[in-house]
Amino acid sequence: MTPIDRITAATEEPSSTLLRWVTVLTGLVSIVAVVILSLTDNTEAAAAVGSIGTAVTAIGGVQLSMRSRQ
């Protein structure tokens, strides 16, 4: 076996599973919020929510990739 074998769900830590779901849900919620705010002509708020959602999703993705390489 190589040290790069994929981790199965059975051997995965619960904290990394939670982090993955929080990252995914944050991205989905920010997309929905941006669409709703854009439809109600709140473009400034939509831009702010979009940038915050993008930042949180990017940070979560970096943390997930670092956990998977350890």
Protein backbone atom coordinates (compact mmCIF):
# COMPACT_ATOMS: atom_id res chain seq x y z
CA MET A 1 0.00 0.00 0.00
CA THR A 2 1.16 3.49 -0.73
CA PRO A 3 1.01 6.28 1.84
CA ILE A 4 -1.28 8.24 -0.51
CA ASP A 5 -4.20 5.79 -0.19
CA ARG A 6 -7.58 7.43 0.12
CA ILE A 7 -9.18 7.63 3.52
CA THR A 8 -12.50 5.86 3.71
CA ALA A 9 -15.49 7.27 5.56
CA ALA A 10 -15.03 4.62 8.27
CA THR A 11 -11.52 5.83 9.17
CA GLU A 12 -12.21 9.54 8.77
CA GLU A 13 -12.35 11.82 11.79
CA PRO A 14 -15.78 13.25 12.68
CA SER A 15 -14.33 16.78 12.82
CA SER A 16 -13.22 16.65 9.18
CA THR A 17 -16.65 15.36 8.14
CA LEU A 18 -18.28 18.23 10.02
CA LEU A 19 -15.89 20.73 8.44
CA ARG A 20 -16.72 19.38 4.98
CA TRP A 21 -20.48 19.76 5.55
CA VAL A 22 -20.12 23.25 7.05
CA THR A 23 -18.05 24.33 4.04
CA VAL A 24 -20.58 22.95 1.56
CA LEU A 25 -23.58 24.42 3.38
CA THR A 26 -21.92 27.83 3.70
CA GLY A 27 -21.38 27.92 -0.04
CA LEU A 28 -24.97 26.92 -0.78
CA VAL A 29 -26.45 29.40 1.69
CA SER A 30 -24.34 32.23 0.29
CA ILE A 31 -25.43 31.41 -3.28
CA VAL A 32 -29.09 31.44 -2.26
CA ALA A 33 -28.63 34.69 -0.33
CA VAL A 34 -26.90 36.37 -3.27
CA VAL A 35 -29.71 35.36 -5.64
CA ILE A 36 -32.42 36.62 -3.26
CA LEU A 37 -30.60 39.88 -2.58
CA SER A 38 -29.99 40.43 -6.30
CA LEU A 39 -33.65 39.87 -7.10
CA THR A 40 -34.66 42.43 -4.46
CA ASP A 41 -32.25 45.05 -5.88
CA ASN A 42 -29.81 44.91 -2.98
CA THR A 43 -26.71 44.63 -5.14
CA GLU A 44 -24.31 46.01 -2.52
CA ALA A 45 -25.49 43.49 0.06
CA ALA A 46 -25.36 40.71 -2.54
CA ALA A 47 -21.74 41.58 -3.32
CA ALA A 48 -20.84 41.58 0.38
CA VAL A 49 -22.54 38.25 1.05
CA GLY A 50 -20.96 36.74 -2.05
CA SER A 51 -17.47 37.78 -1.05
CA ILE A 52 -17.92 36.53 2.52
CA GLY A 53 -19.30 33.22 1.27
CA THR A 54 -16.42 32.85 -1.16
CA ALA A 55 -13.86 33.56 1.54
CA VAL A 56 -15.37 31.10 4.01
CA THR A 57 -15.63 28.40 1.34
CA ALA A 58 -12.02 28.97 0.25
CA ILE A 59 -10.72 28.81 3.82
CA GLY A 60 -12.71 25.64 4.47
CA GLY A 61 -11.36 24.07 1.29
CA VAL A 62 -7.78 24.84 2.28
CA GLN A 63 -8.32 23.31 5.71
CA LEU A 64 -9.86 20.19 4.17
CA SER A 65 -7.01 19.74 1.74
CA MET A 66 -4.47 20.15 4.53
CA ARG A 67 -6.28 17.58 6.70
CA SER A 68 -6.41 15.08 3.87
CA ARG A 69 -2.66 15.34 3.25
CA GLN A 70 -1.70 14.67 6.87
